[in-house]
């Protein structure tokens, strides 16, 4: 494994404001850079009271401006919500402001409910144009300008990743010869199948010579297993409330998950099962097992905690473990 990175949704904890959540993201990014994280990605979600990263490109620029060397990017931009030209202009501008530091991960899902998707897109098309939109976007970032240009954008060659939680993204990333990131932190079902398809089907491109895989893992690390499990309860509650139509700010942790119906709790535990939860020794054991099983080129961790200080400590524990499990390589 070559690198370890961090995925942040800029969670808004109960009792806190979006402004505080965005400041916490900046603090966490600075800590991640100091701890040796290679990338810091932010994810596009809409109409979610507990997530402050809706204007993802804007937040990426803000975080890039408060860090110095770490790659900052989107994990990801939900391309069906935008025109390829708009995304090329946004990320071309970011790459011009912060050369060799910007990543662009592209997702096919809306990142929200259908009513909000309609509000974002104005006109919903029944056909799936994701593959052609990816090609169009890559062309805008290339060296050969067409009749329509992304300015800034042309010639920036912003690294493009395909994100996925099913086999479709794996097939597409392999066909286009692009790096692939799997959303195993909330959708582990097809992880092994998708990685196998991607690796077997990969076609070298002018952007990538061989397959390059990143998997996402939830991490809740603390001094003891008991404390880490307690801190993680916020994410379980948030997931369960979202599934039952009650989205809101990130809940405070609890030792009593009795409010969650048993079938929903089981769903939440499974969805978040690609994770490492516990003391430093437990996290080391669980991350080692995941890396040995899936052999990723990179791992990207995420973990929403109500207390910012606890989240910083979790990040630092994870970095200490992951730095020991990483083989130095040239930056991808």
C-alpha atoms as a PDB file:
ATOM      1  CA  UNK A   1       0.000   0.000   0.000  1.00  0.00           C
ATOM      2  CA  UNK A   2       1.453   3.335  -1.095  1.00  0.00           C
ATOM      3  CA  UNK A   3      -0.625   6.041   0.602  1.00  0.00           C
ATOM      4  CA  UNK A   4      -3.227   6.737   3.240  1.00  0.00           C
ATOM      5  CA  UNK A   5      -5.763   9.552   2.891  1.00  0.00           C
ATOM      6  CA  UNK A   6      -8.797  11.093   4.596  1.00  0.00           C
ATOM      7  CA  UNK A   7     -12.412  11.555   3.468  1.00  0.00           C
ATOM      8  CA  UNK A   8     -14.372  14.341   5.179  1.00  0.00           C
ATOM      9  CA  UNK A   9     -18.075  15.183   4.829  1.00  0.00           C
ATOM     10  CA  UNK A  10     -17.740  18.266   7.064  1.00  0.00           C
ATOM     11  CA  UNK A  11     -20.283  16.906   9.577  1.00  0.00           C
ATOM     12  CA  UNK A  12     -22.401  19.390  11.524  1.00  0.00           C
ATOM     13  CA  UNK A  13     -22.717  18.054  15.105  1.00  0.00           C
ATOM     14  CA  UNK A  14     -25.829  18.616  17.189  1.00  0.00           C
ATOM     15  CA  UNK A  15     -25.522  21.949  18.977  1.00  0.00           C
ATOM     16  CA  UNK A  16     -23.076  23.361  16.437  1.00  0.00           C
ATOM     17  CA  UNK A  17     -23.356  25.559  13.346  1.00  0.00           C
ATOM     18  CA  UNK A  18     -22.251  25.048   9.730  1.00  0.00           C
ATOM     19  CA  UNK A  19     -19.593  27.713  10.301  1.00  0.00           C
ATOM     20  CA  UNK A  20     -18.161  25.675  13.174  1.00  0.00           C
ATOM     21  CA  UNK A  21     -18.275  22.530  11.042  1.00  0.00           C
ATOM     22  CA  UNK A  22     -16.319  24.211   8.252  1.00  0.00           C
ATOM     23  CA  UNK A  23     -13.714  25.490  10.706  1.00  0.00           C
ATOM     24  CA  UNK A  24     -13.417  21.970  12.107  1.00  0.00           C
ATOM     25  CA  UNK A  25     -12.750  20.698   8.573  1.00  0.00           C
ATOM     26  CA  UNK A  26      -9.883  23.167   8.189  1.00  0.00           C
ATOM     27  CA  UNK A  27      -8.452  22.148  11.579  1.00  0.00           C
ATOM     28  CA  UNK A  28      -8.738  18.468  10.676  1.00  0.00           C
ATOM     29  CA  UNK A  29      -7.100  19.006   7.278  1.00  0.00           C
ATOM     30  CA  UNK A  30      -4.146  20.764   8.889  1.00  0.00           C
ATOM     31  CA  UNK A  31      -3.781  17.896  11.346  1.00  0.00           C
ATOM     32  CA  UNK A  32      -4.046  15.366   8.509  1.00  0.00           C
ATOM     33  CA  UNK A  33      -1.281  17.090   6.566  1.00  0.00           C
ATOM     34  CA  UNK A  34       0.957  17.135   9.644  1.00  0.00           C
ATOM     35  CA  UNK A  35       0.219  13.435  10.252  1.00  0.00           C
ATOM     36  CA  UNK A  36       1.314  12.410   6.746  1.00  0.00           C
ATOM     37  CA  UNK A  37      -2.006  11.903   4.953  1.00  0.00           C
ATOM     38  CA  UNK A  38      -1.531  11.998   1.187  1.00  0.00           C
ATOM     39  CA  UNK A  39      -4.988  13.227   0.133  1.00  0.00           C
ATOM     40  CA  UNK A  40      -7.828  15.033   1.852  1.00  0.00           C
ATOM     41  CA  UNK A  41     -11.091  14.551  -0.024  1.00  0.00           C
ATOM     42  CA  UNK A  42     -14.469  16.191   0.478  1.00  0.00           C
ATOM     43  CA  UNK A  43     -17.785  14.744  -0.660  1.00  0.00           C
ATOM     44  CA  UNK A  44     -20.796  16.309  -2.346  1.00  0.00           C
ATOM     45  CA  UNK A  45     -24.116  15.843  -0.526  1.00  0.00           C
ATOM     46  CA  UNK A  46     -27.232  18.012  -0.667  1.00  0.00           C
ATOM     47  CA  UNK A  47     -30.253  18.729   1.526  1.00  0.00           C
ATOM     48  CA  UNK A  48     -28.651  16.977   4.509  1.00  0.00           C
ATOM     49  CA  UNK A  49     -28.808  18.958   7.771  1.00  0.00           C
ATOM     50  CA  UNK A  50     -25.751  17.155   9.136  1.00  0.00           C
ATOM     51  CA  UNK A  51     -23.338  17.748   6.222  1.00  0.00           C
ATOM     52  CA  UNK A  52     -21.716  21.070   5.272  1.00  0.00           C
ATOM     53  CA  UNK A  53     -19.818  20.055   2.109  1.00  0.00           C
ATOM     54  CA  UNK A  54     -22.561  20.686  -0.480  1.00  0.00           C
ATOM     55  CA  UNK A  55     -20.542  23.356  -2.345  1.00  0.00           C
ATOM     56  CA  UNK A  56     -17.668  20.913  -2.664  1.00  0.00           C
ATOM     57  CA  UNK A  57     -15.422  22.832  -5.068  1.00  0.00           C
ATOM     58  CA  UNK A  58     -15.670  25.960  -2.910  1.00  0.00           C
ATOM     59  CA  UNK A  59     -14.700  24.023   0.212  1.00  0.00           C
ATOM     60  CA  UNK A  60     -11.829  22.290  -1.596  1.00  0.00           C
ATOM     61  CA  UNK A  61     -10.396  25.699  -2.471  1.00  0.00           C
ATOM     62  CA  UNK A  62     -10.771  26.849   1.132  1.00  0.00           C
ATOM     63  CA  UNK A  63      -9.006  23.766   2.503  1.00  0.00           C
ATOM     64  CA  UNK A  64      -6.271  23.950  -0.140  1.00  0.00           C
ATOM     65  CA  UNK A  65      -5.644  27.548   0.878  1.00  0.00           C
ATOM     66  CA  UNK A  66      -5.109  26.496   4.498  1.00  0.00           C
ATOM     67  CA  UNK A  67      -2.751  23.599   3.717  1.00  0.00           C
ATOM     68  CA  UNK A  68       0.550  23.459   1.884  1.00  0.00           C
ATOM     69  CA  UNK A  69       1.490  20.107   0.376  1.00  0.00           C
ATOM     70  CA  UNK A  70      -1.345  17.588   0.802  1.00  0.00           C
ATOM     71  CA  UNK A  71      -3.487  16.776  -2.227  1.00  0.00           C
ATOM     72  CA  UNK A  72      -7.030  18.147  -1.837  1.00  0.00           C
ATOM     73  CA  UNK A  73      -9.888  16.788  -3.877  1.00  0.00           C
ATOM     74  CA  UNK A  74     -13.427  15.600  -4.372  1.00  0.00           C
ATOM     75  CA  UNK A  75     -14.541  12.230  -3.176  1.00  0.00           C
ATOM     76  CA  UNK A  76     -16.562  13.035  -5.034  1.00  0.00           C
ATOM     77  CA  UNK A  77     -18.380  15.354  -7.356  1.00  0.00           C
ATOM     78  CA  UNK A  78     -21.731  13.828  -8.358  1.00  0.00           C
ATOM     79  CA  UNK A  79     -21.421  14.451 -12.078  1.00  0.00           C
ATOM     80  CA  UNK A  80     -25.124  14.014 -12.989  1.00  0.00           C
ATOM     81  CA  UNK A  81     -25.804  17.174 -10.954  1.00  0.00           C
ATOM     82  CA  UNK A  82     -23.537  19.333 -13.125  1.00  0.00           C
ATOM     83  CA  UNK A  83     -22.517  20.018 -16.685  1.00  0.00           C
ATOM     84  CA  UNK A  84     -19.043  18.653 -17.504  1.00  0.00           C
ATOM     85  CA  UNK A  85     -17.938  22.129 -18.576  1.00  0.00           C
ATOM     86  CA  UNK A  86     -18.875  23.642 -15.206  1.00  0.00           C
ATOM     87  CA  UNK A  87     -16.889  20.991 -13.335  1.00  0.00           C
ATOM     88  CA  UNK A  88     -13.919  21.416 -15.694  1.00  0.00           C
ATOM     89  CA  UNK A  89     -13.915  25.173 -15.100  1.00  0.00           C
ATOM     90  CA  UNK A  90     -14.168  24.768 -11.323  1.00  0.00           C
ATOM     91  CA  UNK A  91     -11.417  22.182 -11.036  1.00  0.00           C
ATOM     92  CA  UNK A  92      -9.303  23.803 -13.726  1.00  0.00           C
ATOM     93  CA  UNK A  93      -9.414  26.971 -11.631  1.00  0.00           C
ATOM     94  CA  UNK A  94      -8.496  25.017  -8.483  1.00  0.00           C
ATOM     95  CA  UNK A  95      -5.611  23.316 -10.293  1.00  0.00           C
ATOM     96  CA  UNK A  96      -4.382  26.683 -11.562  1.00  0.00           C
ATOM     97  CA  UNK A  97      -4.468  28.147  -8.050  1.00  0.00           C
ATOM     98  CA  UNK A  98      -2.966  25.039  -6.420  1.00  0.00           C
ATOM     99  CA  UNK A  99      -0.816  23.266  -9.047  1.00  0.00           C
ATOM    100  CA  UNK A 100      -0.278  19.500  -8.699  1.00  0.00           C
ATOM    101  CA  UNK A 101      -2.480  19.330  -5.585  1.00  0.00           C
ATOM    102  CA  UNK A 102      -6.051  18.864  -6.858  1.00  0.00           C
ATOM    103  CA  UNK A 103      -7.904  15.552  -7.406  1.00  0.00           C
ATOM    104  CA  UNK A 104     -11.296  15.051  -9.032  1.00  0.00           C
ATOM    105  CA  UNK A 105     -13.290  11.983  -8.039  1.00  0.00           C
ATOM    106  CA  UNK A 106     -16.507  11.511 -10.007  1.00  0.00           C
ATOM    107  CA  UNK A 107     -19.641   9.734  -8.828  1.00  0.00           C
ATOM    108  CA  UNK A 108     -22.725   8.621 -10.731  1.00  0.00           C
ATOM    109  CA  UNK A 109     -25.280   8.916  -7.897  1.00  0.00           C
ATOM    110  CA  UNK A 110     -27.101  12.177  -7.097  1.00  0.00           C
ATOM    111  CA  UNK A 111     -25.807  12.409  -3.527  1.00  0.00           C
ATOM    112  CA  UNK A 112     -29.270  13.326  -2.309  1.00  0.00           C
ATOM    113  CA  UNK A 113     -32.986  12.543  -2.600  1.00  0.00           C
ATOM    114  CA  UNK A 114     -34.784  12.770  -5.936  1.00  0.00           C
ATOM    115  CA  UNK A 115     -36.667  15.980  -5.122  1.00  0.00           C
ATOM    116  CA  UNK A 116     -33.363  17.716  -4.406  1.00  0.00           C
ATOM    117  CA  UNK A 117     -31.802  16.168  -7.511  1.00  0.00           C
ATOM    118  CA  UNK A 118     -34.575  17.758  -9.565  1.00  0.00           C
ATOM    119  CA  UNK A 119     -33.933  21.110  -7.890  1.00  0.00           C
ATOM    120  CA  UNK A 120     -30.227  20.806  -8.704  1.00  0.00           C
ATOM    121  CA  UNK A 121     -30.606  19.703 -12.318  1.00  0.00           C
ATOM    122  CA  UNK A 122     -33.841  21.544 -13.183  1.00  0.00           C
ATOM    123  CA  UNK A 123     -34.509  19.092 -16.018  1.00  0.00           C
ATOM    124  CA  UNK A 124     -34.205  15.370 -15.253  1.00  0.00           C
ATOM    125  CA  UNK A 125     -33.187  13.195 -18.222  1.00  0.00           C
ATOM    126  CA  UNK A 126     -34.140   9.507 -18.218  1.00  0.00           C
ATOM    127  CA  UNK A 127     -30.963   8.349 -19.952  1.00  0.00           C
ATOM    128  CA  UNK A 128     -27.677   7.665 -18.150  1.00  0.00           C
ATOM    129  CA  UNK A 129     -25.056   9.983 -19.676  1.00  0.00           C
ATOM    130  CA  UNK A 130     -22.379   9.423 -17.026  1.00  0.00           C
ATOM    131  CA  UNK A 131     -19.849   7.626 -19.302  1.00  0.00           C
ATOM    132  CA  UNK A 132     -20.054  10.253 -22.045  1.00  0.00           C
ATOM    133  CA  UNK A 133     -20.013  13.069 -19.472  1.00  0.00           C
ATOM    134  CA  UNK A 134     -16.784  11.667 -18.007  1.00  0.00           C
ATOM    135  CA  UNK A 135     -15.213  11.620 -21.465  1.00  0.00           C
ATOM    136  CA  UNK A 136     -16.355  15.172 -22.162  1.00  0.00           C
ATOM    137  CA  UNK A 137     -14.965  16.394 -18.843  1.00  0.00           C
ATOM    138  CA  UNK A 138     -11.591  14.733 -19.381  1.00  0.00           C
ATOM    139  CA  UNK A 139     -11.388  16.297 -22.835  1.00  0.00           C
ATOM    140  CA  UNK A 140     -11.925  19.781 -21.377  1.00  0.00           C
ATOM    141  CA  UNK A 141      -8.964  19.195 -19.029  1.00  0.00           C
ATOM    142  CA  UNK A 142      -6.691  17.928 -21.832  1.00  0.00           C
ATOM    143  CA  UNK A 143      -4.332  19.643 -24.231  1.00  0.00           C
ATOM    144  CA  UNK A 144      -6.493  19.754 -27.356  1.00  0.00           C
ATOM    145  CA  UNK A 145      -9.111  22.471 -27.075  1.00  0.00           C
ATOM    146  CA  UNK A 146     -12.339  22.102 -29.006  1.00  0.00           C
ATOM    147  CA  UNK A 147     -14.811  24.773 -30.034  1.00  0.00           C
ATOM    148  CA  UNK A 148     -15.777  25.066 -26.354  1.00  0.00           C
ATOM    149  CA  UNK A 149     -12.949  25.448 -23.840  1.00  0.00           C
ATOM    150  CA  UNK A 150     -12.686  25.350 -20.065  1.00  0.00           C
ATOM    151  CA  UNK A 151     -10.701  28.442 -19.110  1.00  0.00           C
ATOM    152  CA  UNK A 152      -8.971  27.793 -16.748  1.00  0.00           C
ATOM    153  CA  UNK A 153      -9.021  24.049 -17.326  1.00  0.00           C
ATOM    154  CA  UNK A 154      -7.480  23.260 -20.702  1.00  0.00           C
ATOM    155  CA  UNK A 155      -4.097  21.610 -20.234  1.00  0.00           C
ATOM    156  CA  UNK A 156      -4.384  21.203 -16.462  1.00  0.00           C
ATOM    157  CA  UNK A 157      -4.829  17.410 -16.638  1.00  0.00           C
ATOM    158  CA  UNK A 158      -6.480  17.289 -13.228  1.00  0.00           C
ATOM    159  CA  UNK A 159      -6.291  13.626 -12.112  1.00  0.00           C
ATOM    160  CA  UNK A 160      -9.747  12.082 -12.552  1.00  0.00           C
ATOM    161  CA  UNK A 161     -10.926   9.121 -10.456  1.00  0.00           C
ATOM    162  CA  UNK A 162     -14.051   7.034 -10.845  1.00  0.00           C
ATOM    163  CA  UNK A 163     -15.875   6.427  -7.578  1.00  0.00           C
ATOM    164  CA  UNK A 164     -18.307   3.591  -7.083  1.00  0.00           C
ATOM    165  CA  UNK A 165     -20.188   1.284  -4.772  1.00  0.00           C
ATOM    166  CA  UNK A 166     -21.134  -1.286  -7.427  1.00  0.00           C
ATOM    167  CA  UNK A 167     -19.569  -3.074 -10.378  1.00  0.00           C
ATOM    168  CA  UNK A 168     -20.620  -0.381 -12.884  1.00  0.00           C
ATOM    169  CA  UNK A 169     -17.986   2.076 -11.722  1.00  0.00           C
ATOM    170  CA  UNK A 170     -15.347  -0.660 -11.726  1.00  0.00           C
ATOM    171  CA  UNK A 171     -16.116  -1.505 -15.350  1.00  0.00           C
ATOM    172  CA  UNK A 172     -16.078   2.139 -16.385  1.00  0.00           C
ATOM    173  CA  UNK A 173     -12.817   2.958 -14.591  1.00  0.00           C
ATOM    174  CA  UNK A 174     -11.183  -0.101 -16.167  1.00  0.00           C
ATOM    175  CA  UNK A 175     -12.453   0.786 -19.651  1.00  0.00           C
ATOM    176  CA  UNK A 176     -11.236   4.388 -19.454  1.00  0.00           C
ATOM    177  CA  UNK A 177      -7.948   3.459 -17.742  1.00  0.00           C
ATOM    178  CA  UNK A 178      -8.610   5.603 -14.668  1.00  0.00           C
ATOM    179  CA  UNK A 179      -7.909   5.079 -10.956  1.00  0.00           C
ATOM    180  CA  UNK A 180     -10.831   3.628  -8.994  1.00  0.00           C
ATOM    181  CA  UNK A 181     -12.051   4.341  -5.465  1.00  0.00           C
ATOM    182  CA  UNK A 182     -14.645   2.075  -3.848  1.00  0.00           C
ATOM    183  CA  UNK A 183     -17.118   3.410  -1.262  1.00  0.00           C
ATOM    184  CA  UNK A 184     -16.720   0.428   1.051  1.00  0.00           C
ATOM    185  CA  UNK A 185     -17.116   2.674   4.113  1.00  0.00           C
ATOM    186  CA  UNK A 186     -20.899   2.619   3.607  1.00  0.00           C
ATOM    187  CA  UNK A 187     -21.556   0.022   0.850  1.00  0.00           C
ATOM    188  CA  UNK A 188     -19.270  -3.004   1.247  1.00  0.00           C
ATOM    189  CA  UNK A 189     -21.460  -5.572  -0.536  1.00  0.00           C
ATOM    190  CA  UNK A 190     -19.744  -5.565  -3.931  1.00  0.00           C
ATOM    191  CA  UNK A 191     -16.230  -4.618  -2.817  1.00  0.00           C
ATOM    192  CA  UNK A 192     -14.414  -7.840  -3.723  1.00  0.00           C
ATOM    193  CA  UNK A 193     -16.313  -8.337  -6.985  1.00  0.00           C
ATOM    194  CA  UNK A 194     -15.753  -4.739  -8.091  1.00  0.00           C
ATOM    195  CA  UNK A 195     -12.021  -4.823  -7.388  1.00  0.00           C
ATOM    196  CA  UNK A 196     -11.662  -8.105  -9.254  1.00  0.00           C
ATOM    197  CA  UNK A 197     -13.533  -6.744 -12.292  1.00  0.00           C
ATOM    198  CA  UNK A 198     -11.488  -3.538 -12.286  1.00  0.00           C
ATOM    199  CA  UNK A 199      -8.134  -5.297 -12.039  1.00  0.00           C
ATOM    200  CA  UNK A 200      -8.953  -7.959 -14.647  1.00  0.00           C
ATOM    201  CA  UNK A 201     -10.543  -5.556 -17.145  1.00  0.00           C
ATOM    202  CA  UNK A 202      -8.171  -2.598 -16.838  1.00  0.00           C
ATOM    203  CA  UNK A 203      -6.976  -1.043 -20.096  1.00  0.00           C
ATOM    204  CA  UNK A 204      -3.841   1.154 -19.842  1.00  0.00           C
ATOM    205  CA  UNK A 205      -4.369   4.783 -20.847  1.00  0.00           C
ATOM    206  CA  UNK A 206      -2.320   7.922 -21.235  1.00  0.00           C
ATOM    207  CA  UNK A 207      -3.430   8.777 -17.700  1.00  0.00           C
ATOM    208  CA  UNK A 208      -2.650   5.486 -15.962  1.00  0.00           C
ATOM    209  CA  UNK A 209      -0.429   2.544 -16.953  1.00  0.00           C
ATOM    210  CA  UNK A 210      -1.753  -0.057 -14.501  1.00  0.00           C
ATOM    211  CA  UNK A 211      -4.740  -0.488 -12.155  1.00  0.00           C
ATOM    212  CA  UNK A 212      -4.790   1.755  -9.099  1.00  0.00           C
ATOM    213  CA  UNK A 213      -7.326   1.045  -6.355  1.00  0.00           C
ATOM    214  CA  UNK A 214      -8.308   2.959  -3.249  1.00  0.00           C
ATOM    215  CA  UNK A 215     -10.765   1.563  -0.704  1.00  0.00           C
ATOM    216  CA  UNK A 216     -12.616   3.585   1.925  1.00  0.00           C
ATOM    217  CA  UNK A 217     -12.657   2.424   5.544  1.00  0.00           C
ATOM    218  CA  UNK A 218     -14.460   3.840   8.555  1.00  0.00           C
ATOM    219  CA  UNK A 219     -12.154   4.406  11.517  1.00  0.00           C
ATOM    220  CA  UNK A 220     -13.088   5.172  15.095  1.00  0.00           C
ATOM    221  CA  UNK A 221      -9.956   5.082  17.208  1.00  0.00           C
ATOM    222  CA  UNK A 222      -9.570   5.995  20.867  1.00  0.00           C
ATOM    223  CA  UNK A 223      -7.564   5.042  23.935  1.00  0.00           C
ATOM    224  CA  UNK A 224      -9.769   1.990  24.596  1.00  0.00           C
ATOM    225  CA  UNK A 225     -12.113  -0.238  22.621  1.00  0.00           C
ATOM    226  CA  UNK A 226     -15.005   0.858  24.831  1.00  0.00           C
ATOM    227  CA  UNK A 227     -14.433   4.565  24.176  1.00  0.00           C
ATOM    228  CA  UNK A 228     -14.067   4.026  20.411  1.00  0.00           C
ATOM    229  CA  UNK A 229     -17.338   2.069  20.259  1.00  0.00           C
ATOM    230  CA  UNK A 230     -19.057   4.821  22.251  1.00  0.00           C
ATOM    231  CA  UNK A 231     -17.760   7.565  19.928  1.00  0.00           C
ATOM    232  CA  UNK A 232     -18.841   5.600  16.850  1.00  0.00           C
ATOM    233  CA  UNK A 233     -22.436   5.474  18.086  1.00  0.00           C
ATOM    234  CA  UNK A 234     -22.954   8.972  16.626  1.00  0.00           C
ATOM    235  CA  UNK A 235     -22.418   7.616  13.120  1.00  0.00           C
ATOM    236  CA  UNK A 236     -24.657   4.598  13.709  1.00  0.00           C
ATOM    237  CA  UNK A 237     -27.421   6.895  14.956  1.00  0.00           C
ATOM    238  CA  UNK A 238     -26.989   9.274  12.016  1.00  0.00           C
ATOM    239  CA  UNK A 239     -27.143   6.405   9.519  1.00  0.00           C
ATOM    240  CA  UNK A 240     -30.230   4.896  11.161  1.00  0.00           C
ATOM    241  CA  UNK A 241     -32.057   8.220  11.303  1.00  0.00           C
ATOM    242  CA  UNK A 242     -31.288   8.849   7.640  1.00  0.00           C
ATOM    243  CA  UNK A 243     -32.628   5.409   6.724  1.00  0.00           C
ATOM    244  CA  UNK A 244     -35.832   6.052   8.662  1.00  0.00           C
ATOM    245  CA  UNK A 245     -36.446   9.460   7.071  1.00  0.00           C
ATOM    246  CA  UNK A 246     -35.176  11.555   9.972  1.00  0.00           C
ATOM    247  CA  UNK A 247     -31.939  13.139   8.811  1.00  0.00           C
ATOM    248  CA  UNK A 248     -30.425  15.746  11.076  1.00  0.00           C
ATOM    249  CA  UNK A 249     -27.193  17.010  12.616  1.00  0.00           C
ATOM    250  CA  UNK A 250     -24.638  14.445  13.755  1.00  0.00           C
ATOM    251  CA  UNK A 251     -26.038  13.063  17.042  1.00  0.00           C
ATOM    252  CA  UNK A 252     -24.219  13.080  20.331  1.00  0.00           C
ATOM    253  CA  UNK A 253     -22.766   9.662  21.202  1.00  0.00           C
ATOM    254  CA  UNK A 254     -24.738   7.313  23.412  1.00  0.00           C
ATOM    255  CA  UNK A 255     -24.310   3.987  25.161  1.00  0.00           C
ATOM    256  CA  UNK A 256     -27.951   3.144  24.484  1.00  0.00           C
ATOM    257  CA  UNK A 257     -28.928   2.529  20.865  1.00  0.00           C
ATOM    258  CA  UNK A 258     -32.416   1.453  21.878  1.00  0.00           C
ATOM    259  CA  UNK A 259     -34.085   4.118  19.741  1.00  0.00           C
ATOM    260  CA  UNK A 260     -32.961   2.246  16.611  1.00  0.00           C
ATOM    261  CA  UNK A 261     -35.258  -0.612  15.543  1.00  0.00           C
ATOM    262  CA  UNK A 262     -33.324  -3.885  15.488  1.00  0.00           C
ATOM    263  CA  UNK A 263     -33.585  -4.422  11.677  1.00  0.00           C
ATOM    264  CA  UNK A 264     -32.353  -0.874  10.997  1.00  0.00           C
ATOM    265  CA  UNK A 265     -29.492  -1.253  13.478  1.00  0.00           C
ATOM    266  CA  UNK A 266     -28.481  -4.470  11.749  1.00  0.00           C
ATOM    267  CA  UNK A 267     -28.513  -2.657   8.389  1.00  0.00           C
ATOM    268  CA  UNK A 268     -26.404   0.165   9.815  1.00  0.00           C
ATOM    269  CA  UNK A 269     -23.853  -2.195  11.333  1.00  0.00           C
ATOM    270  CA  UNK A 270     -23.514  -4.069   8.035  1.00  0.00           C
ATOM    271  CA  UNK A 271     -23.287  -0.921   5.900  1.00  0.00           C
ATOM    272  CA  UNK A 272     -20.526   0.426   8.160  1.00  0.00           C
ATOM    273  CA  UNK A 273     -18.791  -2.932   8.619  1.00  0.00           C
ATOM    274  CA  UNK A 274     -15.732  -2.121   6.501  1.00  0.00           C
ATOM    275  CA  UNK A 275     -14.169  -0.394   9.459  1.00  0.00           C
ATOM    276  CA  UNK A 276     -11.620  -0.424  12.248  1.00  0.00           C
ATOM    277  CA  UNK A 277     -13.032   0.478  15.660  1.00  0.00           C
ATOM    278  CA  UNK A 278     -11.148   0.387  18.925  1.00  0.00           C
ATOM    279  CA  UNK A 279      -7.887   1.039  20.705  1.00  0.00           C
ATOM    280  CA  UNK A 280      -4.650   1.558  18.760  1.00  0.00           C
ATOM    281  CA  UNK A 281      -3.923  -2.176  18.968  1.00  0.00           C
ATOM    282  CA  UNK A 282      -7.408  -3.113  17.754  1.00  0.00           C
ATOM    283  CA  UNK A 283      -7.331  -0.581  14.919  1.00  0.00           C
ATOM    284  CA  UNK A 284      -3.922  -1.862  13.850  1.00  0.00           C
ATOM    285  CA  UNK A 285      -5.171  -5.456  13.772  1.00  0.00           C
ATOM    286  CA  UNK A 286      -8.339  -4.633  11.850  1.00  0.00           C
ATOM    287  CA  UNK A 287      -6.667  -2.338   9.310  1.00  0.00           C
ATOM    288  CA  UNK A 288      -3.906  -4.884   8.741  1.00  0.00           C
ATOM    289  CA  UNK A 289      -6.513  -7.552   8.010  1.00  0.00           C
ATOM    290  CA  UNK A 290      -8.447  -5.320   5.575  1.00  0.00           C
ATOM    291  CA  UNK A 291      -5.294  -4.347   3.698  1.00  0.00           C
ATOM    292  CA  UNK A 292      -4.089  -7.944   3.511  1.00  0.00           C
ATOM    293  CA  UNK A 293      -7.470  -9.099   2.208  1.00  0.00           C
ATOM    294  CA  UNK A 294      -8.049  -6.458  -0.467  1.00  0.00           C
ATOM    295  CA  UNK A 295      -4.491  -5.345  -1.351  1.00  0.00           C
ATOM    296  CA  UNK A 296      -5.376  -1.708  -2.105  1.00  0.00           C
ATOM    297  CA  UNK A 297      -2.842   0.701  -3.570  1.00  0.00           C
ATOM    298  CA  UNK A 298      -4.264   3.304  -1.210  1.00  0.00           C
ATOM    299  CA  UNK A 299      -6.661   3.450   1.702  1.00  0.00           C
ATOM    300  CA  UNK A 300      -8.861   6.421   2.543  1.00  0.00           C
ATOM    301  CA  UNK A 301     -10.327   6.577   6.025  1.00  0.00           C
ATOM    302  CA  UNK A 302     -13.319   8.449   7.333  1.00  0.00           C
ATOM    303  CA  UNK A 303     -15.075   8.760  10.639  1.00  0.00           C
ATOM    304  CA  UNK A 304     -17.673  11.182  11.933  1.00  0.00           C
ATOM    305  CA  UNK A 305     -17.512  11.969  15.647  1.00  0.00           C
ATOM    306  CA  UNK A 306     -19.512  14.537  17.563  1.00  0.00           C
ATOM    307  CA  UNK A 307     -16.530  15.780  19.554  1.00  0.00           C
ATOM    308  CA  UNK A 308     -13.903  17.513  17.423  1.00  0.00           C
ATOM    309  CA  UNK A 309     -11.085  16.721  19.839  1.00  0.00           C
ATOM    310  CA  UNK A 310     -11.970  13.027  19.766  1.00  0.00           C
ATOM    311  CA  UNK A 311     -12.002  13.097  15.970  1.00  0.00           C
ATOM    312  CA  UNK A 312      -8.549  14.659  15.902  1.00  0.00           C
ATOM    313  CA  UNK A 313      -7.227  11.976  18.263  1.00  0.00           C
ATOM    314  CA  UNK A 314      -8.796   9.270  16.105  1.00  0.00           C
ATOM    315  CA  UNK A 315      -7.087  10.694  13.021  1.00  0.00           C
ATOM    316  CA  UNK A 316      -3.730  10.785  14.798  1.00  0.00           C
ATOM    317  CA  UNK A 317      -4.026   7.194  16.039  1.00  0.00           C
ATOM    318  CA  UNK A 318      -4.980   6.033  12.543  1.00  0.00           C
ATOM    319  CA  UNK A 319      -2.026   7.890  11.034  1.00  0.00           C
ATOM    320  CA  UNK A 320       0.407   6.221  13.435  1.00  0.00           C
ATOM    321  CA  UNK A 321      -0.940   2.811  12.456  1.00  0.00           C
ATOM    322  CA  UNK A 322      -1.167   3.487   8.717  1.00  0.00           C
ATOM    323  CA  UNK A 323       2.317   4.980   8.470  1.00  0.00           C
ATOM    324  CA  UNK A 324       3.660   1.599   9.611  1.00  0.00           C
ATOM    325  CA  UNK A 325       1.536  -0.230   7.024  1.00  0.00           C
ATOM    326  CA  UNK A 326       2.541   1.962   4.073  1.00  0.00           C
ATOM    327  CA  UNK A 327       5.268   1.201   1.550  1.00  0.00           C
ATOM    328  CA  UNK A 328       6.868   4.447   0.330  1.00  0.00           C
ATOM    329  CA  UNK A 329       6.276   5.110  -3.365  1.00  0.00           C
ATOM    330  CA  UNK A 330       6.182   7.979  -5.786  1.00  0.00           C
ATOM    331  CA  UNK A 331       3.099  10.136  -5.326  1.00  0.00           C
ATOM    332  CA  UNK A 332       0.207   9.037  -7.550  1.00  0.00           C
END
